[in-house]
Amino acid sequence: MPKLKRVSGKIAVRALGKLGFKKVRQRGSHVILKKLTSHGTTGCVVPDHKELAIGTLRSILRQAKVTPEEFMKAL
């Protein structure tokens, strides 16, 4: 498994956008993303912070059902 880089919330949203996620709404500093798949809808919440903690980023990727490898390629 590749080591995840520390990224900002905006960069994480942009990378997830490349993987097919769309911004549905934003409330405060939290951006809600959704993606329509053949198994239904997959969603995740990304805090729009200057730097995301690695554990937070890992949790976001788990919610989005995206592997760290896919995410690192999308950066």
C-alpha atoms as a PDB file:
ATOM      1  CA  MET A   1       0.000   0.000   0.000  1.00  0.00           C
ATOM      2  CA  PRO A   2       1.490   3.386  -0.934  1.00  0.00           C
ATOM      3  CA  LYS A   3       2.026   5.975   1.731  1.00  0.00           C
ATOM      4  CA  LEU A   4      -0.678   8.645   1.546  1.00  0.00           C
ATOM      5  CA  LYS A   5       0.488  12.221   1.150  1.00  0.00           C
ATOM      6  CA  ARG A   6      -0.894  15.005   3.295  1.00  0.00           C
ATOM      7  CA  VAL A   7      -3.223  17.009   1.082  1.00  0.00           C
ATOM      8  CA  SER A   8      -5.699  19.816   1.555  1.00  0.00           C
ATOM      9  CA  GLY A   9      -9.445  19.331   1.418  1.00  0.00           C
ATOM     10  CA  LYS A  10      -9.648  21.117  -1.948  1.00  0.00           C
ATOM     11  CA  ILE A  11      -7.056  18.789  -3.492  1.00  0.00           C
ATOM     12  CA  ALA A  12      -8.880  15.743  -2.084  1.00  0.00           C
ATOM     13  CA  VAL A  13     -12.173  16.958  -3.581  1.00  0.00           C
ATOM     14  CA  ARG A  14     -10.464  17.548  -6.941  1.00  0.00           C
ATOM     15  CA  ALA A  15      -8.897  14.052  -6.927  1.00  0.00           C
ATOM     16  CA  LEU A  16     -12.207  12.411  -5.998  1.00  0.00           C
ATOM     17  CA  GLY A  17     -13.842  14.437  -8.796  1.00  0.00           C
ATOM     18  CA  LYS A  18     -11.441  12.800 -11.250  1.00  0.00           C
ATOM     19  CA  LEU A  19     -12.674   9.443  -9.932  1.00  0.00           C
ATOM     20  CA  GLY A  20     -16.299  10.287 -10.769  1.00  0.00           C
ATOM     21  CA  PHE A  21     -17.574  11.992  -7.608  1.00  0.00           C
ATOM     22  CA  LYS A  22     -19.747  15.100  -7.893  1.00  0.00           C
ATOM     23  CA  LYS A  23     -20.124  17.850  -5.316  1.00  0.00           C
ATOM     24  CA  VAL A  24     -23.705  17.672  -4.057  1.00  0.00           C
ATOM     25  CA  ARG A  25     -23.645  20.383  -1.418  1.00  0.00           C
ATOM     26  CA  GLN A  26     -21.538  22.088   1.210  1.00  0.00           C
ATOM     27  CA  ARG A  27     -22.388  23.014   4.759  1.00  0.00           C
ATOM     28  CA  GLY A  28     -19.797  25.135   6.456  1.00  0.00           C
ATOM     29  CA  SER A  29     -16.414  23.594   5.809  1.00  0.00           C
ATOM     30  CA  HIS A  30     -17.729  20.118   4.930  1.00  0.00           C
ATOM     31  CA  VAL A  31     -18.171  19.164   1.270  1.00  0.00           C
ATOM     32  CA  ILE A  32     -20.533  16.269   0.496  1.00  0.00           C
ATOM     33  CA  LEU A  33     -19.661  14.223  -2.593  1.00  0.00           C
ATOM     34  CA  LYS A  34     -21.706  11.480  -4.285  1.00  0.00           C
ATOM     35  CA  LYS A  35     -21.080   8.999  -7.071  1.00  0.00           C
ATOM     36  CA  LEU A  36     -23.674   6.842  -8.830  1.00  0.00           C
ATOM     37  CA  THR A  37     -22.498   3.235  -9.290  1.00  0.00           C
ATOM     38  CA  SER A  38     -24.115   0.045 -10.474  1.00  0.00           C
ATOM     39  CA  HIS A  39     -24.504  -0.979  -6.797  1.00  0.00           C
ATOM     40  CA  GLY A  40     -26.203   2.279  -5.809  1.00  0.00           C
ATOM     41  CA  THR A  41     -24.971   5.620  -4.553  1.00  0.00           C
ATOM     42  CA  THR A  42     -21.626   6.049  -2.813  1.00  0.00           C
ATOM     43  CA  GLY A  43     -20.951   9.182  -0.844  1.00  0.00           C
ATOM     44  CA  CYS A  44     -18.354  10.777   1.376  1.00  0.00           C
ATOM     45  CA  VAL A  45     -17.807  13.925   3.404  1.00  0.00           C
ATOM     46  CA  VAL A  46     -14.582  15.904   2.981  1.00  0.00           C
ATOM     47  CA  PRO A  47     -13.665  18.688   5.400  1.00  0.00           C
ATOM     48  CA  ASP A  48     -12.350  21.715   3.508  1.00  0.00           C
ATOM     49  CA  HIS A  49      -9.278  22.144   5.725  1.00  0.00           C
ATOM     50  CA  LYS A  50      -5.842  23.425   4.812  1.00  0.00           C
ATOM     51  CA  GLU A  51      -4.322  20.018   5.603  1.00  0.00           C
ATOM     52  CA  LEU A  52      -6.136  16.727   6.208  1.00  0.00           C
ATOM     53  CA  ALA A  53      -4.784  14.293   8.786  1.00  0.00           C
ATOM     54  CA  ILE A  54      -3.773  10.929   7.332  1.00  0.00           C
ATOM     55  CA  GLY A  55      -6.379   9.104   9.448  1.00  0.00           C
ATOM     56  CA  THR A  56      -9.094  11.481   8.229  1.00  0.00           C
ATOM     57  CA  LEU A  57      -8.045  10.954   4.607  1.00  0.00           C
ATOM     58  CA  ARG A  58      -8.048   7.182   5.104  1.00  0.00           C
ATOM     59  CA  SER A  59     -11.561   7.390   6.555  1.00  0.00           C
ATOM     60  CA  ILE A  60     -12.748   9.487   3.592  1.00  0.00           C
ATOM     61  CA  LEU A  61     -11.340   6.912   1.162  1.00  0.00           C
ATOM     62  CA  ARG A  62     -13.037   4.100   3.104  1.00  0.00           C
ATOM     63  CA  GLN A  63     -16.385   5.947   2.887  1.00  0.00           C
ATOM     64  CA  ALA A  64     -15.891   6.538  -0.824  1.00  0.00           C
ATOM     65  CA  LYS A  65     -14.805   2.915  -1.429  1.00  0.00           C
ATOM     66  CA  VAL A  66     -11.643   4.145  -3.142  1.00  0.00           C
ATOM     67  CA  THR A  67      -8.272   2.462  -2.655  1.00  0.00           C
ATOM     68  CA  PRO A  68      -5.252   4.566  -1.690  1.00  0.00           C
ATOM     69  CA  GLU A  69      -3.602   3.532  -4.965  1.00  0.00           C
ATOM     70  CA  GLU A  70      -6.514   4.903  -7.035  1.00  0.00           C
ATOM     71  CA  PHE A  71      -6.487   8.110  -5.014  1.00  0.00           C
ATOM     72  CA  MET A  72      -2.734   8.646  -5.395  1.00  0.00           C
ATOM     73  CA  LYS A  73      -3.004   8.157  -9.184  1.00  0.00           C
ATOM     74  CA  ALA A  74      -5.821  10.738  -9.345  1.00  0.00           C
ATOM     75  CA  LEU A  75      -3.656  13.366  -7.629  1.00  0.00           C
END
